[in-house]
Amino acid sequence: MHVRWLTAFLDFPAAEFGSEVTFWRAISGSTVSPPRGPSKEFASLDPFNGDAHLRVQRIAAGPGGTHLDMHVDDPASAALEAVALGAREIADYGTHRVMASPSGGRFCLVEWAGEHRRSRPIRWPGGTISIIDQICYDVPAAKFDAELAFWTALTGQDAPGDVDRHTLTRDPDLSLQVLLVRSDNASGATYLDVAASNLPVEVERHEDWGATVVERRHDQVVMADPTGRRYFISARNPRTGA
């Protein structure tokens, strides 16, 4: 399967949609596209350069979350390939397929619409450079090896890393990369990750927009956005993702 593009989708309950879109637009340095969809429930967070790799969705029920869209030439045949590798098809909406990986991680297979221009990081006042460039899947430890084999086979990408963390090799044409993390969380979770050149300054910028610090680590800070959604800010090279 040829993965043409990757998009991280932020799913918001209706009551949180407006304020959450404002927050994520601000910290990503994006503009918001005109709404689309039958109920005007979808929009893109358009970067100042490059094609959108962040999108938002208003959902009718549930707490929301984060999921990955994989843009391919033919979602139907890609779904068959994913199922053969161990995925489960949850829903067929015609235009896209909702899937679950062997450990239950959600992703969608959507038709590629020509996206190809990778976004560039933004230099902010104060000197820090950052970009939202990674989506992280927490994978229950007992299922980690099978999950790693699945994603490696599905994308055709190597997954360098250590025993607990594997990043699917960054494609220089893509704005987003996928990180698998071995976790004690049996249910798993999905998070966005911001690469920043100056971790303390970037954290302060997010706090100014209403985010709070959950946990400080050596080279990463766990954040919560204004509604409590968790995400990471990491001391990584915003240009290379490393």
Foldseek 3Di string as FASTA:
>chain_A
DAQQAKAKEWEAEPVCPPLVVVLVLVLQVFDWAAFDDPVSFKIFRQHPWFGTRYIYGHDHDDHTAMEMEGADADQVVLVVVLVVLQKAWDDCPPQKTWIAHNQGGIYMYGHDPPGFTADAWDQDPVGKTKHFAEKEKAGEQVCQVSRQVSVCVSHVFDWDDDPAKTKGADDLRYRHTYMYGHDNPSNMGMAIEMAMQDVVVSVVVSVVSPKDWDDDDDFKTWIAHNVGHIHMYGHDDRNRRD
